[in-house]
Amino acid sequence: MKHADGDRYIEDGQLASGLEVDVVIEVPRGSFIKRGSTGAVDFISPLPCPFNYGSIPAYIGLEGDLLDALVLGPRLALGACIRIKAWGAVILTDRGMTDDKLICCSHRITAAERQTVLRFFGFYAACKGLLNVLRRRRGRNACEGWCDVAYAIARARPRDHSWRGPSVDF
């Protein structure tokens, strides 16, 4: 499905031209160590992360931490800063809080890549739910599906100098 949004075109939940963002890599593809935006280790995974995972320092997500970003493609170094296009977003619920994840890639995301990302976040939400039970943290965990990148950015707030880190423990 294709429809106009101002002077942009949206097709299958993606801006036809993508939206450029700056991403800092916190978890390189293949890493077992999950770090948060502060650099602290959140957990050590029994499985390697299949994607590069990081954040967009210019925005704060709905849960109070930097807006998350997943970068498809080859492994990037921990701490790498890249400018890349975001093509959509996954809406994740973690402990009852909405935690959008922008999905970035150097090319327009294919339907197969989109399905792989959604399957990953479905599995991730289930694993994170178990981890939260073990940590005695309450709240629902789920992958809510795909949304337009502009929608996810509009829900975030610009980061200002007063932000000192997430307001809740992750």
N, C-alpha and C. Protein backbone atom coordinates (compact mmCIF):
# COMPACT_ATOMS: atom_id res chain seq x y z
N MET A 1 0.84 -1.18 0.00
CA MET A 1 0.00 0.00 0.00
C MET A 1 0.89 1.24 0.00
N LYS A 2 0.53 2.21 -0.78
CA LYS A 2 1.32 3.42 -0.91
C LYS A 2 0.40 4.62 -0.77
N HIS A 3 0.75 5.58 0.08
CA HIS A 3 -0.05 6.78 0.20
C HIS A 3 0.85 7.98 0.48
N ALA A 4 0.34 9.15 0.17
CA ALA A 4 1.12 10.38 0.33
C ALA A 4 1.08 10.85 1.78
N ASP A 5 2.19 11.39 2.25
CA ASP A 5 2.30 12.00 3.58
C ASP A 5 3.07 13.29 3.37
N GLY A 6 2.35 14.39 3.06
CA GLY A 6 3.04 15.62 2.68
C GLY A 6 3.72 15.39 1.35
N ASP A 7 5.03 15.63 1.29
CA ASP A 7 5.76 15.41 0.04
C ASP A 7 6.53 14.08 0.05
N ARG A 8 6.29 13.27 1.08
CA ARG A 8 6.94 11.96 1.17
C ARG A 8 5.93 10.88 0.81
N TYR A 9 6.40 9.73 0.44
CA TYR A 9 5.52 8.61 0.20
C TYR A 9 5.82 7.51 1.19
N ILE A 10 4.76 6.93 1.72
CA ILE A 10 4.89 5.84 2.67
C ILE A 10 4.37 4.58 2.00
N GLU A 11 5.18 3.53 2.02
CA GLU A 11 4.79 2.27 1.43
C GLU A 11 5.09 1.17 2.43
N ASP A 12 4.09 0.39 2.79
CA ASP A 12 4.24 -0.71 3.74
C ASP A 12 4.89 -0.24 5.05
N GLY A 13 4.50 0.92 5.57
CA GLY A 13 5.01 1.40 6.84
C GLY A 13 6.41 1.96 6.79
N GLN A 14 6.94 2.24 5.61
CA GLN A 14 8.29 2.79 5.47
C GLN A 14 8.24 4.09 4.67
N LEU A 15 8.99 5.08 5.11
CA LEU A 15 9.17 6.26 4.27
C LEU A 15 9.92 5.80 3.03
N ALA A 16 9.47 6.21 1.88
CA ALA A 16 10.11 5.76 0.64
C ALA A 16 11.58 6.15 0.58
N SER A 17 11.96 7.26 1.21
CA SER A 17 13.35 7.70 1.17
C SER A 17 14.09 7.46 2.49
N GLY A 18 13.42 6.92 3.50
CA GLY A 18 14.05 6.71 4.81
C GLY A 18 14.25 8.05 5.52
N LEU A 19 14.70 8.00 6.75
CA LEU A 19 14.94 9.19 7.55
C LEU A 19 16.33 9.06 8.16
N GLU A 20 17.24 9.98 7.83
CA GLU A 20 18.62 9.88 8.34
C GLU A 20 18.68 10.19 9.82
N VAL A 21 19.41 9.32 10.55
CA VAL A 21 19.62 9.50 11.99
C VAL A 21 21.08 9.18 12.32
N ASP A 22 21.54 9.69 13.44
CA ASP A 22 22.86 9.36 13.97
C ASP A 22 22.69 8.32 15.05
N VAL A 23 23.43 7.21 14.94
CA VAL A 23 23.32 6.10 15.87
C VAL A 23 24.69 5.83 16.50
N VAL A 24 24.69 5.57 17.81
CA VAL A 24 25.89 5.14 18.53
C VAL A 24 25.69 3.67 18.88
N ILE A 25 26.63 2.82 18.49
CA ILE A 25 26.52 1.37 18.71
C ILE A 25 26.91 1.01 20.14
N GLU A 26 25.98 0.34 20.84
CA GLU A 26 26.19 -0.11 22.22
C GLU A 26 26.43 -1.61 22.30
N VAL A 27 25.86 -2.35 21.32
CA VAL A 27 26.00 -3.80 21.27
C VAL A 27 26.32 -4.17 19.83
N PRO A 28 27.58 -4.47 19.52
CA PRO A 28 27.91 -4.88 18.15
C PRO A 28 27.26 -6.22 17.79
N ARG A 29 26.97 -6.39 16.53
CA ARG A 29 26.43 -7.66 16.04
C ARG A 29 27.37 -8.80 16.48
N GLY A 30 26.78 -9.87 17.01
CA GLY A 30 27.56 -11.01 17.46
C GLY A 30 27.99 -10.94 18.91
N SER A 31 27.73 -9.83 19.57
CA SER A 31 28.13 -9.66 20.97
C SER A 31 27.17 -10.38 21.91
N PHE A 32 27.69 -10.86 23.03
CA PHE A 32 26.88 -11.49 24.07
C PHE A 32 26.57 -10.51 25.20
N ILE A 33 27.22 -9.36 25.19
CA ILE A 33 27.08 -8.40 26.28
C ILE A 33 26.11 -7.29 25.86
N LYS A 34 25.02 -7.14 26.64
CA LYS A 34 24.02 -6.10 26.39
C LYS A 34 24.32 -4.92 27.30
N ARG A 35 24.69 -3.80 26.70
CA ARG A 35 24.96 -2.58 27.45
C ARG A 35 23.83 -1.59 27.23
N GLY A 36 23.63 -0.73 28.22
CA GLY A 36 22.64 0.32 28.10
C GLY A 36 23.29 1.60 27.60
N SER A 37 22.51 2.66 27.53
CA SER A 37 22.99 3.94 27.00
C SER A 37 24.07 4.56 27.87
N THR A 38 24.15 4.17 29.14
CA THR A 38 25.19 4.70 30.03
C THR A 38 26.50 3.92 29.89
N GLY A 39 26.47 2.80 29.16
CA GLY A 39 27.66 1.96 29.00
C GLY A 39 27.72 0.82 30.00
N ALA A 40 26.85 0.84 31.01
CA ALA A 40 26.84 -0.22 32.01
C ALA A 40 26.30 -1.52 31.40
N VAL A 41 26.82 -2.65 31.86
CA VAL A 41 26.34 -3.95 31.38
C VAL A 41 24.97 -4.21 31.98
N ASP A 42 23.99 -4.49 31.10
CA ASP A 42 22.63 -4.82 31.54
C ASP A 42 22.52 -6.31 31.82
N PHE A 43 23.00 -7.12 30.87
CA PHE A 43 23.03 -8.56 31.08
C PHE A 43 23.96 -9.20 30.05
N ILE A 44 24.32 -10.45 30.34
CA ILE A 44 25.11 -11.24 29.40
C ILE A 44 24.17 -12.29 28.83
N SER A 45 24.02 -12.27 27.52
CA SER A 45 23.07 -13.14 26.84
C SER A 45 23.67 -14.52 26.56
N PRO A 46 22.84 -15.57 26.62
CA PRO A 46 23.34 -16.88 26.21
C PRO A 46 23.45 -17.00 24.70
N LEU A 47 22.82 -16.05 23.98
CA LEU A 47 22.86 -16.04 22.52
C LEU A 47 23.45 -14.72 22.03
N PRO A 48 24.22 -14.75 20.95
CA PRO A 48 24.77 -13.49 20.42
C PRO A 48 23.68 -12.64 19.78
N CYS A 49 23.84 -11.34 19.86
CA CYS A 49 22.88 -10.43 19.24
C CYS A 49 23.06 -10.51 17.71
N PRO A 50 21.98 -10.77 16.97
CA PRO A 50 22.11 -10.91 15.51
C PRO A 50 22.20 -9.60 14.76
N PHE A 51 22.08 -8.47 15.47
CA PHE A 51 22.11 -7.15 14.84
C PHE A 51 23.01 -6.21 15.64
N ASN A 52 23.41 -5.12 15.04
CA ASN A 52 24.05 -4.03 15.78
C ASN A 52 22.93 -3.28 16.49
N TYR A 53 23.17 -2.96 17.76
CA TYR A 53 22.13 -2.35 18.58
C TYR A 53 22.71 -1.12 19.24
N GLY A 54 21.96 -0.03 19.22
CA GLY A 54 22.48 1.18 19.83
C GLY A 54 21.38 2.18 20.11
N SER A 55 21.76 3.45 20.13
CA SER A 55 20.79 4.49 20.44
C SER A 55 21.03 5.72 19.60
N ILE A 56 20.02 6.57 19.61
CA ILE A 56 20.06 7.84 18.88
C ILE A 56 20.18 8.94 19.93
N PRO A 57 21.37 9.50 20.11
CA PRO A 57 21.61 10.45 21.20
C PRO A 57 20.78 11.72 21.15
N ALA A 58 20.15 12.02 20.03
CA ALA A 58 19.37 13.26 19.91
C ALA A 58 17.96 13.15 20.49
N TYR A 59 17.51 11.91 20.80
CA TYR A 59 16.13 11.72 21.25
C TYR A 59 16.03 10.85 22.49
N ILE A 60 15.02 11.14 23.32
CA ILE A 60 14.68 10.33 24.49
C ILE A 60 13.39 9.60 24.17
N GLY A 61 13.41 8.28 24.36
CA GLY A 61 12.22 7.48 24.10
C GLY A 61 11.19 7.61 25.20
N LEU A 62 10.05 6.98 25.00
CA LEU A 62 8.93 7.08 25.93
C LEU A 62 9.25 6.52 27.32
N GLU A 63 10.21 5.60 27.41
CA GLU A 63 10.55 5.00 28.71
C GLU A 63 11.60 5.82 29.46
N GLY A 64 12.07 6.93 28.86
CA GLY A 64 12.99 7.83 29.55
C GLY A 64 14.46 7.62 29.24
N ASP A 65 14.78 6.67 28.37
CA ASP A 65 16.17 6.42 27.97
C ASP A 65 16.34 6.90 26.52
N LEU A 66 17.59 6.93 26.05
CA LEU A 66 17.83 7.31 24.66
C LEU A 66 17.02 6.41 23.73
N LEU A 67 16.54 6.98 22.64
CA LEU A 67 15.76 6.22 21.66
C LEU A 67 16.63 5.13 21.06
N ASP A 68 16.14 3.90 21.07
CA ASP A 68 16.90 2.75 20.60
C ASP A 68 16.92 2.65 19.08
N ALA A 69 17.98 2.04 18.58
CA ALA A 69 18.10 1.80 17.14
C ALA A 69 18.78 0.46 16.90
N LEU A 70 18.28 -0.26 15.93
CA LEU A 70 18.87 -1.51 15.49
C LEU A 70 19.41 -1.26 14.09
N VAL A 71 20.65 -1.66 13.84
CA VAL A 71 21.28 -1.42 12.54
C VAL A 71 21.56 -2.75 11.86
N LEU A 72 20.91 -2.98 10.72
CA LEU A 72 21.15 -4.18 9.93
C LEU A 72 22.46 -4.04 9.18
N GLY A 73 23.10 -5.16 8.89
CA GLY A 73 24.33 -5.12 8.11
C GLY A 73 25.49 -5.72 8.87
N PRO A 74 26.71 -5.50 8.36
CA PRO A 74 27.90 -6.11 8.98
C PRO A 74 28.15 -5.55 10.38
N ARG A 75 28.93 -6.29 11.14
CA ARG A 75 29.27 -5.90 12.52
C ARG A 75 29.93 -4.53 12.54
N LEU A 76 29.48 -3.69 13.49
CA LEU A 76 30.07 -2.38 13.72
C LEU A 76 30.75 -2.39 15.08
N ALA A 77 31.73 -1.57 15.28
CA ALA A 77 32.49 -1.55 16.53
C ALA A 77 31.70 -0.92 17.66
N LEU A 78 31.92 -1.39 18.87
CA LEU A 78 31.35 -0.79 20.06
C LEU A 78 31.74 0.69 20.10
N GLY A 79 30.76 1.56 20.27
CA GLY A 79 31.01 3.00 20.31
C GLY A 79 31.04 3.69 18.97
N ALA A 80 30.92 2.93 17.88
CA ALA A 80 30.92 3.54 16.54
C ALA A 80 29.73 4.50 16.42
N CYS A 81 29.96 5.64 15.80
CA CYS A 81 28.90 6.63 15.53
C CYS A 81 28.69 6.65 14.02
N ILE A 82 27.49 6.35 13.59
CA ILE A 82 27.21 6.32 12.15
C ILE A 82 25.96 7.12 11.84
N ARG A 83 25.93 7.68 10.65
CA ARG A 83 24.72 8.31 10.11
C ARG A 83 24.15 7.32 9.11
N ILE A 84 22.86 6.97 9.32
CA ILE A 84 22.23 5.93 8.52
C ILE A 84 20.74 6.21 8.44
N LYS A 85 20.07 5.60 7.46
CA LYS A 85 18.63 5.80 7.32
C LYS A 85 17.84 4.82 8.17
N ALA A 86 16.83 5.36 8.84
CA ALA A 86 15.85 4.54 9.56
C ALA A 86 14.65 4.37 8.63
N TRP A 87 14.17 3.14 8.53
CA TRP A 87 13.10 2.83 7.57
C TRP A 87 11.78 2.49 8.24
N GLY A 88 11.80 2.27 9.52
CA GLY A 88 10.61 1.91 10.26
C GLY A 88 10.99 1.75 11.72
N ALA A 89 10.06 1.25 12.52
CA ALA A 89 10.33 1.05 13.94
C ALA A 89 9.51 -0.13 14.44
N VAL A 90 10.03 -0.75 15.49
CA VAL A 90 9.31 -1.80 16.20
C VAL A 90 8.87 -1.20 17.53
N ILE A 91 7.62 -1.45 17.89
CA ILE A 91 7.11 -1.01 19.18
C ILE A 91 7.25 -2.18 20.15
N LEU A 92 8.08 -2.00 21.16
CA LEU A 92 8.29 -3.02 22.18
C LEU A 92 7.71 -2.51 23.49
N THR A 93 7.06 -3.39 24.23
CA THR A 93 6.63 -3.07 25.58
C THR A 93 7.54 -3.82 26.52
N ASP A 94 8.17 -3.10 27.44
CA ASP A 94 9.09 -3.69 28.42
C ASP A 94 8.66 -3.22 29.81
N ARG A 95 8.23 -4.15 30.63
CA ARG A 95 7.72 -3.84 31.98
C ARG A 95 6.57 -2.83 31.93
N GLY A 96 5.75 -2.92 30.89
CA GLY A 96 4.61 -2.04 30.74
C GLY A 96 4.93 -0.69 30.12
N MET A 97 6.21 -0.43 29.83
CA MET A 97 6.62 0.85 29.23
C MET A 97 6.86 0.66 27.73
N THR A 98 6.44 1.63 26.94
CA THR A 98 6.68 1.59 25.50
C THR A 98 8.12 1.96 25.22
N ASP A 99 8.78 1.15 24.40
CA ASP A 99 10.21 1.30 24.10
C ASP A 99 10.41 1.10 22.60
N ASP A 100 10.20 2.18 21.81
CA ASP A 100 10.34 2.09 20.36
C ASP A 100 11.78 1.81 19.95
N LYS A 101 11.94 1.04 18.88
CA LYS A 101 13.26 0.70 18.32
C LYS A 101 13.26 1.07 16.84
N LEU A 102 14.05 2.07 16.46
CA LEU A 102 14.15 2.42 15.04
C LEU A 102 14.95 1.34 14.33
N ILE A 103 14.53 0.98 13.13
CA ILE A 103 15.21 -0.05 12.34
C ILE A 103 15.93 0.64 11.19
N CYS A 104 17.26 0.52 11.22
CA CYS A 104 18.12 1.27 10.30
C CYS A 104 18.88 0.33 9.37
N CYS A 105 19.16 0.83 8.19
CA CYS A 105 19.88 0.04 7.20
C CYS A 105 20.35 0.96 6.08
N SER A 106 21.38 0.54 5.36
CA SER A 106 21.89 1.36 4.26
C SER A 106 21.01 1.26 3.01
N HIS A 107 20.08 0.31 3.01
CA HIS A 107 19.15 0.16 1.88
C HIS A 107 17.73 0.02 2.40
N ARG A 108 16.77 0.19 1.53
CA ARG A 108 15.37 0.01 1.90
C ARG A 108 15.19 -1.42 2.43
N ILE A 109 14.54 -1.56 3.57
CA ILE A 109 14.38 -2.86 4.21
C ILE A 109 13.41 -3.73 3.41
N THR A 110 13.80 -4.98 3.21
CA THR A 110 12.95 -5.92 2.48
C THR A 110 11.90 -6.51 3.42
N ALA A 111 10.90 -7.12 2.84
CA ALA A 111 9.86 -7.77 3.64
C ALA A 111 10.46 -8.89 4.49
N ALA A 112 11.42 -9.62 3.94
CA ALA A 112 12.07 -10.71 4.69
C ALA A 112 12.86 -10.15 5.89
N GLU A 113 13.57 -9.05 5.67
CA GLU A 113 14.32 -8.43 6.78
C GLU A 113 13.36 -7.95 7.86
N ARG A 114 12.27 -7.36 7.44
CA ARG A 114 11.26 -6.87 8.39
C ARG A 114 10.72 -8.02 9.23
N GLN A 115 10.40 -9.14 8.60
CA GLN A 115 9.88 -10.31 9.31
C GLN A 115 10.93 -10.87 10.28
N THR A 116 12.19 -10.90 9.87
CA THR A 116 13.27 -11.37 10.74
C THR A 116 13.38 -10.49 11.98
N VAL A 117 13.32 -9.18 11.79
CA VAL A 117 13.39 -8.24 12.91
C VAL A 117 12.21 -8.44 13.85
N LEU A 118 11.01 -8.59 13.31
CA LEU A 118 9.82 -8.79 14.15
C LEU A 118 9.89 -10.11 14.92
N ARG A 119 10.38 -11.17 14.27
CA ARG A 119 10.55 -12.45 14.98
C ARG A 119 11.57 -12.31 16.11
N PHE A 120 12.68 -11.62 15.82
CA PHE A 120 13.70 -11.40 16.85
C PHE A 120 13.10 -10.68 18.05
N PHE A 121 12.36 -9.59 17.82
CA PHE A 121 11.82 -8.83 18.94
C PHE A 121 10.70 -9.59 19.67
N GLY A 122 9.99 -10.48 18.99
CA GLY A 122 9.03 -11.34 19.68
C GLY A 122 9.76 -12.25 20.66
N PHE A 123 10.85 -12.86 20.21
CA PHE A 123 11.67 -13.73 21.06
C PHE A 123 12.34 -12.91 22.17
N TYR A 124 12.87 -11.75 21.82
CA TYR A 124 13.53 -10.86 22.79
C TYR A 124 12.57 -10.47 23.90
N ALA A 125 11.33 -10.11 23.55
CA ALA A 125 10.34 -9.70 24.55
C ALA A 125 10.05 -10.85 25.52
N ALA A 126 9.96 -12.07 25.00
CA ALA A 126 9.72 -13.23 25.86
C ALA A 126 10.90 -13.45 26.81
N CYS A 127 12.11 -13.36 26.29
CA CYS A 127 13.31 -13.53 27.12
C CYS A 127 13.43 -12.41 28.15
N LYS A 128 13.15 -11.19 27.74
CA LYS A 128 13.23 -10.06 28.66
C LYS A 128 12.16 -10.19 29.75
N GLY A 129 11.00 -10.73 29.40
CA GLY A 129 9.96 -10.97 30.39
C GLY A 129 10.43 -11.94 31.46
N LEU A 130 11.10 -13.02 31.04
CA LEU A 130 11.66 -13.98 31.98
C LEU A 130 12.72 -13.34 32.86
N LEU A 131 13.61 -12.56 32.25
CA LEU A 131 14.65 -11.86 33.01
C LEU A 131 14.01 -10.91 34.03
N ASN A 132 12.96 -10.22 33.63
CA ASN A 132 12.29 -9.30 34.55
C ASN A 132 11.64 -10.04 35.72
N VAL A 133 11.09 -11.24 35.47
CA VAL A 133 10.53 -12.05 36.55
C VAL A 133 11.65 -12.42 37.53
N LEU A 134 12.78 -12.87 37.00
CA LEU A 134 13.92 -13.23 37.85
C LEU A 134 14.44 -12.04 38.65
N ARG A 135 14.35 -10.85 38.07
CA ARG A 135 14.78 -9.63 38.75
C ARG A 135 13.67 -9.02 39.62
N ARG A 136 12.52 -9.70 39.65
CA ARG A 136 11.34 -9.24 40.41
C ARG A 136 10.84 -7.88 39.96
N ARG A 137 10.85 -7.68 38.67
CA ARG A 137 10.33 -6.46 38.07
C ARG A 137 9.01 -6.79 37.39
N ARG A 138 8.01 -6.02 37.69
CA ARG A 138 6.67 -6.28 37.16
C ARG A 138 6.42 -5.55 35.85
N GLY A 139 5.38 -6.00 35.16
CA GLY A 139 4.95 -5.32 33.94
C GLY A 139 4.96 -6.24 32.74
N ARG A 140 4.14 -5.92 31.78
CA ARG A 140 3.98 -6.69 30.55
C ARG A 140 5.15 -6.51 29.61
N ASN A 141 5.53 -7.58 28.91
CA ASN A 141 6.57 -7.53 27.89
C ASN A 141 6.00 -8.11 26.60
N ALA A 142 6.14 -7.39 25.49
CA ALA A 142 5.61 -7.88 24.21
C ALA A 142 6.18 -7.07 23.06
N CYS A 143 6.22 -7.71 21.90
CA CYS A 143 6.51 -7.00 20.66
C CYS A 143 5.15 -6.64 20.07
N GLU A 144 4.89 -5.34 19.93
CA GLU A 144 3.58 -4.85 19.48
C GLU A 144 3.49 -4.71 17.96
N GLY A 145 4.63 -4.87 17.27
CA GLY A 145 4.60 -4.79 15.81
C GLY A 145 5.39 -3.63 15.25
N TRP A 146 5.20 -3.40 13.97
CA TRP A 146 5.95 -2.42 13.17
C TRP A 146 5.17 -1.12 13.08
N CYS A 147 5.89 0.00 13.07
CA CYS A 147 5.25 1.30 12.82
C CYS A 147 6.17 2.15 11.96
N ASP A 148 5.64 3.25 11.49
CA ASP A 148 6.38 4.19 10.66
C ASP A 148 7.45 4.89 11.51
N VAL A 149 8.62 5.12 10.95
CA VAL A 149 9.70 5.79 11.66
C VAL A 149 9.30 7.19 12.10
N ALA A 150 8.55 7.91 11.29
CA ALA A 150 8.12 9.26 11.65
C ALA A 150 7.22 9.23 12.89
N TYR A 151 6.40 8.20 13.02
CA TYR A 151 5.54 8.04 14.19
C TYR A 151 6.39 7.83 15.45
N ALA A 152 7.39 6.97 15.35
CA ALA A 152 8.26 6.70 16.50
C ALA A 152 9.05 7.95 16.90
N ILE A 153 9.57 8.68 15.94
CA ILE A 153 10.31 9.92 16.24
C ILE A 153 9.38 10.95 16.87
N ALA A 154 8.14 11.05 16.38
CA ALA A 154 7.19 12.02 16.92
C ALA A 154 6.83 11.71 18.37
N ARG A 155 6.88 10.43 18.75
CA ARG A 155 6.56 10.04 20.13
C ARG A 155 7.73 10.31 21.07
N ALA A 156 8.94 10.39 20.54
CA ALA A 156 10.12 10.67 21.36
C ALA A 156 10.21 12.17 21.61
N ARG A 157 11.08 12.55 22.53
CA ARG A 157 11.29 13.98 22.76
C ARG A 157 12.75 14.31 22.51
N PRO A 158 13.02 15.50 22.02
CA PRO A 158 14.42 15.88 21.79
C PRO A 158 15.20 15.85 23.12
N ARG A 159 16.42 15.39 23.05
CA ARG A 159 17.27 15.36 24.24
C ARG A 159 17.82 16.76 24.48
N ASP A 160 17.81 17.17 25.74
CA ASP A 160 18.41 18.46 26.08
C ASP A 160 19.53 18.24 27.10
N HIS A 161 20.17 19.30 27.50
CA HIS A 161 21.33 19.21 28.39
C HIS A 161 20.98 18.69 29.78
N SER A 162 19.71 18.68 30.16
CA SER A 162 19.33 18.25 31.50
C SER A 162 19.26 16.73 31.65
N TRP A 163 19.24 15.98 30.54
CA TRP A 163 19.13 14.52 30.63
C TRP A 163 20.42 13.93 31.18
N ARG A 164 20.32 13.13 32.24
CA ARG A 164 21.49 12.53 32.88
C ARG A 164 21.49 11.02 32.84
N GLY A 165 20.55 10.45 32.14
CA GLY A 165 20.45 9.01 32.07
C GLY A 165 19.01 8.58 32.28
N PRO A 166 18.75 7.29 32.10
CA PRO A 166 17.38 6.79 32.23
C PRO A 166 16.85 6.98 33.65
N SER A 167 15.54 7.20 33.75
CA SER A 167 14.91 7.43 35.04
C SER A 167 14.55 6.13 35.76
N VAL A 168 14.61 4.99 35.06
CA VAL A 168 14.35 3.70 35.67
C VAL A 168 15.53 2.78 35.41
N ASP A 169 15.73 1.79 36.28
CA ASP A 169 16.80 0.80 36.06
C ASP A 169 16.39 -0.15 34.96
N PHE A 170 17.33 -0.46 34.07
CA PHE A 170 17.06 -1.44 33.03
C PHE A 170 17.87 -2.65 33.32
